[in-house]
Amino acid sequence: MIIAWWSAGVTSAVATKLAIDEYGVDNVLPVYFHIDTAHEDNARFKAECEAWYGREIVTHKAEKYNNQFDVIRKDKYINGAGGARCTLVLKKRVRMKLEKELEYSGQVFGFEYSKKEINRAIRFSEQYPTALPLFPLIENKMTKPECLYYLESAGIKRPKMYELGYGNNNCIGCVKGGMGYWNKIRKDFPDVFAEMAKAERELGRSCLKGTFLDDLDPNAGREQKMIMPDCGNFCDIEFADIMHKNVEKIYEEPKQLRLI
């Protein structure tokens, strides 16, 4: 059985489809980790992907936490050098628990085709070899824009967060976001902005460097196509910012990634 980690983002959605096409619909298990602060449109996107795949996307959830605010208040931690704690407890630990419970011959991750993502894929493969990671987007040289086109060609509308101008479909109010991201959240989801600002003051720490959200200049930061990294089913990858010696080789011959 191949496990496909489906995050409600466009890259994981297409990576799952490519895996099903390669290994067969009965041999791929799509898995989704539900978090309460995900956009409600994810339910529509999930249903359309299930129809596209011809099988159910199995949903799991952390046992003790509902969302990032729950993590902040219960664990008294936002983020730091080791990454965002919400990613650890809402996704990574759930994934690791399933890894122990399920027999699998590979795990599908939605890393796209770019030198930066190839570097992350190599680093991930070296650090977690027992995960038996598979990267169908890299092997098929598919970028995120190409994934969007692929979805739309299949008649599937992109998730609402992309339509609103966000570069990914993370939880609404992601602690990895910068000033520009949070000022956009302030406009689009004022209740979420207010809740995070309150949680920061309760903890005495901010998710931003140098300022609390309730002191944030409304004109600070800038909106970008990729406002922050996608929040995958793992924490920060060690040495991800240092280019691996094999990146250029894999970029030219992506199939070589399986040999690492």
Protein backbone atom coordinates (compact mmCIF):
# COMPACT_ATOMS: atom_id res chain seq x y z
CA MET A 1 0.00 0.00 0.00
CA ILE A 2 1.17 3.50 -0.90
CA ILE A 3 0.18 6.27 1.53
CA ALA A 4 -0.50 9.64 -0.12
CA TRP A 5 -0.45 12.55 2.31
CA TRP A 6 -3.25 14.80 1.06
CA SER A 7 -3.19 18.29 2.62
CA ALA A 8 -5.99 20.03 0.66
CA GLY A 9 -3.32 21.91 -1.28
CA VAL A 10 -3.04 21.74 -5.06
CA THR A 11 0.36 20.03 -5.09
CA SER A 12 -0.61 17.17 -2.76
CA ALA A 13 -3.89 16.75 -4.66
CA VAL A 14 -2.11 16.29 -7.99
CA ALA A 15 0.66 14.18 -6.46
CA THR A 16 -2.02 11.83 -5.14
CA LYS A 17 -3.62 11.58 -8.58
CA LEU A 18 -0.28 10.81 -10.23
CA ALA A 19 0.36 8.08 -7.65
CA ILE A 20 -3.06 6.54 -8.28
CA ASP A 21 -2.42 6.58 -12.02
CA GLU A 22 0.94 4.86 -11.51
CA TYR A 23 0.14 2.32 -8.80
CA GLY A 24 -3.61 1.79 -9.18
CA VAL A 25 -6.55 3.17 -7.23
CA ASP A 26 -6.69 0.15 -4.89
CA ASN A 27 -3.03 0.49 -3.99
CA VAL A 28 -2.98 4.14 -2.88
CA LEU A 29 -4.47 5.37 0.40
CA PRO A 30 -5.00 9.17 0.48
CA VAL A 31 -4.86 10.51 4.05
CA TYR A 32 -5.92 13.96 5.26
CA PHE A 33 -5.33 15.56 8.67
CA HIS A 34 -8.30 17.75 9.50
CA ILE A 35 -7.72 20.93 11.51
CA ASP A 36 -10.64 23.07 12.63
CA THR A 37 -9.18 26.33 11.30
CA ALA A 38 -8.92 25.08 7.72
CA HIS A 39 -11.17 26.94 5.26
CA GLU A 40 -14.67 25.43 5.01
CA ASP A 41 -14.24 25.18 1.23
CA ASN A 42 -11.80 22.31 1.84
CA ALA A 43 -14.80 20.00 2.22
CA ARG A 44 -15.91 20.83 -1.33
CA PHE A 45 -12.37 20.41 -2.68
CA LYS A 46 -11.99 17.07 -0.87
CA ALA A 47 -15.26 15.73 -2.31
CA GLU A 48 -14.29 16.74 -5.84
CA CYS A 49 -10.88 15.11 -5.48
CA GLU A 50 -12.46 11.92 -4.16
CA ALA A 51 -14.67 11.76 -7.26
CA TRP A 52 -11.58 12.38 -9.42
CA TYR A 53 -9.58 9.66 -7.69
CA GLY A 54 -12.40 7.14 -7.51
CA ARG A 55 -11.82 6.53 -3.80
CA GLU A 56 -12.22 8.09 -0.37
CA ILE A 57 -9.66 10.37 1.26
CA VAL A 58 -9.40 9.02 4.80
CA THR A 59 -9.53 11.74 7.46
CA HIS A 60 -7.60 11.68 10.74
CA LYS A 61 -7.27 14.25 13.49
CA ALA A 62 -4.99 14.91 16.45
CA GLU A 63 -6.45 13.47 19.64
CA LYS A 64 -5.77 16.35 22.06
CA TYR A 65 -5.81 19.42 19.83
CA ASN A 66 -8.30 21.02 17.45
CA ASN A 67 -6.25 23.81 15.88
CA GLN A 68 -3.20 26.06 16.27
CA PHE A 69 -4.88 28.17 18.98
CA ASP A 70 -5.48 25.03 21.00
CA VAL A 71 -1.79 24.15 20.70
CA ILE A 72 -0.65 27.63 21.72
CA ARG A 73 -2.85 27.74 24.81
CA LYS A 74 -2.26 24.16 25.97
CA ASP A 75 1.48 23.92 25.25
CA LYS A 76 2.40 27.59 25.86
CA TYR A 77 4.41 27.69 22.62
CA ILE A 78 4.00 29.31 19.20
CA ASN A 79 7.08 28.67 17.07
CA GLY A 80 10.85 28.76 17.30
CA ALA A 81 14.09 27.31 15.97
CA GLY A 82 12.54 23.84 15.83
CA GLY A 83 9.63 25.03 13.71
CA ALA A 84 5.94 25.53 14.45
CA ARG A 85 4.70 23.33 17.28
CA CYS A 86 1.25 23.14 15.71
CA THR A 87 2.76 21.33 12.70
CA LEU A 88 4.38 18.85 15.09
CA VAL A 89 1.30 17.96 17.14
CA LEU A 90 -1.47 18.45 14.57
CA LYS A 91 0.26 16.70 11.67
CA LYS A 92 3.68 15.13 12.20
CA ARG A 93 2.81 13.09 15.30
CA VAL A 94 -0.43 11.90 13.69
CA ARG A 95 1.56 10.85 10.62
CA MET A 96 4.16 9.02 12.70
CA LYS A 97 1.42 7.17 14.59
CA LEU A 98 -0.14 6.03 11.30
CA GLU A 99 3.26 4.96 9.99
CA LYS A 100 3.49 2.52 12.89
CA GLU A 101 -0.04 1.21 12.38
CA LEU A 102 -0.04 0.80 8.60
CA GLU A 103 2.02 -1.43 6.34
CA TYR A 104 3.25 0.59 3.40
CA SER A 105 5.67 0.37 0.51
CA GLY A 106 5.98 4.12 -0.02
CA GLN A 107 4.69 7.54 1.02
CA VAL A 108 3.69 10.25 -1.44
CA PHE A 109 4.61 13.87 -0.73
CA GLY A 110 3.60 16.88 -2.81
CA PHE A 111 6.99 18.57 -3.26
CA GLU A 112 6.88 20.47 -6.55
CA TYR A 113 9.49 20.59 -9.31
CA SER A 114 11.93 23.35 -8.40
CA LYS A 115 15.50 23.35 -7.18
CA LYS A 116 14.41 24.49 -3.73
CA GLU A 117 11.86 21.70 -3.39
CA ILE A 118 14.25 19.13 -4.87
CA ASN A 119 16.73 20.11 -2.18
CA ARG A 120 14.05 19.61 0.48
CA ALA A 121 13.12 16.24 -1.03
CA ILE A 122 16.73 15.05 -0.97
CA ARG A 123 17.20 16.21 2.60
CA PHE A 124 13.92 14.60 3.65
CA SER A 125 14.89 11.30 1.99
CA GLU A 126 18.22 11.29 3.81
CA GLN A 127 16.71 12.14 7.19
CA TYR A 128 13.66 9.84 6.98
CA PRO A 129 14.71 6.87 4.80
CA THR A 130 12.24 4.49 6.47
CA ALA A 131 9.38 6.68 5.23
CA LEU A 132 10.17 5.39 1.72
CA PRO A 133 9.24 8.82 0.29
CA LEU A 134 7.96 9.29 -3.24
CA PHE A 135 7.85 12.64 -5.05
CA PRO A 136 5.72 12.25 -8.20
CA LEU A 137 5.59 15.98 -8.97
CA ILE A 138 9.38 16.22 -9.09
CA GLU A 139 9.64 13.05 -11.15
CA ASN A 140 7.11 14.44 -13.63
CA LYS A 141 8.63 17.95 -13.57
CA MET A 142 5.40 19.58 -12.38
CA THR A 143 5.41 23.03 -10.79
CA LYS A 144 2.61 24.48 -8.64
CA PRO A 145 1.16 26.55 -11.54
CA GLU A 146 1.13 23.39 -13.66
CA CYS A 147 -0.71 21.58 -10.84
CA LEU A 148 -3.33 24.33 -10.82
CA TYR A 149 -3.80 23.93 -14.58
CA TYR A 150 -3.96 20.13 -14.21
CA LEU A 151 -6.71 20.41 -11.60
CA GLU A 152 -8.73 22.90 -13.61
CA SER A 153 -8.39 20.72 -16.71
CA ALA A 154 -10.02 17.96 -14.66
CA GLY A 155 -12.90 20.31 -13.82
CA ILE A 156 -11.84 20.86 -10.21
CA LYS A 157 -11.95 24.41 -8.87
CA ARG A 158 -8.92 25.44 -6.84
CA PRO A 159 -9.37 25.80 -3.04
CA LYS A 160 -10.82 29.10 -1.86
CA MET A 161 -7.63 30.24 -0.12
CA TYR A 162 -5.85 30.34 -3.48
CA GLU A 163 -8.67 32.41 -4.95
CA LEU A 164 -8.27 34.86 -2.08
CA GLY A 165 -4.63 35.36 -3.04
CA TYR A 166 -2.82 33.03 -0.64
CA GLY A 167 0.01 30.92 -2.01
CA ASN A 168 -1.07 27.80 -0.16
CA ASN A 169 -3.99 26.27 1.71
CA ASN A 170 -2.58 26.24 5.23
CA CYS A 171 -4.74 26.76 8.30
CA ILE A 172 -6.24 30.24 8.42
CA GLY A 173 -3.94 32.16 10.74
CA CYS A 174 -0.71 30.23 10.17
CA VAL A 175 2.00 31.04 12.71
CA LYS A 176 4.63 30.74 9.95
CA GLY A 177 3.27 33.84 8.21
CA GLY A 178 5.09 37.16 8.08
CA MET A 179 3.85 40.73 8.45
CA GLY A 180 2.36 40.91 4.96
CA TYR A 181 0.50 37.66 5.53
CA TRP A 182 -0.95 38.78 8.85
CA ASN A 183 -2.06 42.12 7.46
CA LYS A 184 -3.90 40.22 4.74
CA ILE A 185 -5.47 37.97 7.40
CA ARG A 186 -6.49 41.14 9.24
CA LYS A 187 -8.52 42.16 6.16
CA ASP A 188 -9.85 38.77 5.08
CA PHE A 189 -10.39 37.07 8.44
CA PRO A 190 -10.50 39.74 11.18
CA ASP A 191 -11.82 37.30 13.80
CA VAL A 192 -8.83 35.01 13.26
CA PHE A 193 -6.46 37.97 13.49
CA ALA A 194 -8.07 39.05 16.76
CA GLU A 195 -7.89 35.55 18.23
CA MET A 196 -4.20 35.17 17.42
CA ALA A 197 -3.46 38.63 18.82
CA LYS A 198 -5.24 37.64 22.03
CA ALA A 199 -3.38 34.31 22.21
CA GLU A 200 -0.06 36.12 21.79
CA ARG A 201 -0.78 38.46 24.68
CA GLU A 202 -1.90 35.58 26.89
CA LEU A 203 1.39 33.79 26.18
CA GLY A 204 3.58 36.90 26.17
CA ARG A 205 5.19 35.90 22.85
CA SER A 206 4.47 36.73 19.23
CA CYS A 207 4.47 34.69 16.05
CA LEU A 208 6.25 37.65 14.41
CA LYS A 209 9.73 39.01 15.05
CA GLY A 210 9.84 42.36 16.76
CA THR A 211 6.15 43.06 17.26
CA PHE A 212 2.90 41.70 18.57
CA LEU A 213 0.01 41.46 16.14
CA ASP A 214 -2.04 44.09 17.96
CA ASP A 215 0.89 46.50 17.47
CA LEU A 216 1.48 45.57 13.85
CA ASP A 217 1.55 48.48 11.40
CA PRO A 218 -1.31 47.85 8.93
CA ASN A 219 1.03 48.81 6.10
CA ALA A 220 3.92 46.59 7.17
CA GLY A 221 5.10 43.73 5.02
CA ARG A 222 4.00 42.96 1.51
CA GLU A 223 1.73 40.46 -0.14
CA GLN A 224 3.50 37.88 -2.27
CA LYS A 225 2.45 34.95 -4.41
CA MET A 226 4.07 32.61 -1.91
CA ILE A 227 3.40 34.21 1.42
CA MET A 228 4.86 31.36 3.48
CA PRO A 229 5.91 27.72 3.08
CA ASP A 230 3.26 25.08 2.73
CA CYS A 231 2.56 23.45 6.05
CA GLY A 232 3.24 19.79 5.32
CA ASN A 233 3.04 16.69 7.48
CA PHE A 234 6.52 17.20 8.91
CA CYS A 235 8.45 19.84 10.81
CA ASP A 236 11.38 21.81 9.49
CA ILE A 237 13.84 19.71 7.50
CA GLU A 238 17.42 19.92 8.73
CA PHE A 239 19.81 21.72 6.35
CA ALA A 240 16.91 22.57 4.00
CA ASP A 241 18.48 25.99 3.33
CA ILE A 242 21.81 24.47 2.28
CA MET A 243 21.84 23.25 -1.31
CA HIS A 244 22.64 19.55 -1.57
CA LYS A 245 25.37 18.56 -4.03
CA ASN A 246 22.90 16.43 -6.02
CA VAL A 247 20.26 19.11 -6.65
CA GLU A 248 21.44 19.97 -10.16
CA LYS A 249 21.68 16.29 -11.08
CA ILE A 250 18.14 15.55 -9.88
CA TYR A 251 16.82 18.69 -11.55
CA GLU A 252 18.08 17.36 -14.89
CA GLU A 253 17.17 13.71 -14.21
CA PRO A 254 14.33 13.64 -11.63
CA LYS A 255 13.92 9.85 -11.73
CA GLN A 256 17.32 9.63 -10.02
CA LEU A 257 15.65 10.87 -6.83
CA ARG A 258 14.47 7.33 -6.12
CA LEU A 259 18.07 6.14 -5.97
CA ILE A 260 19.01 8.39 -3.06
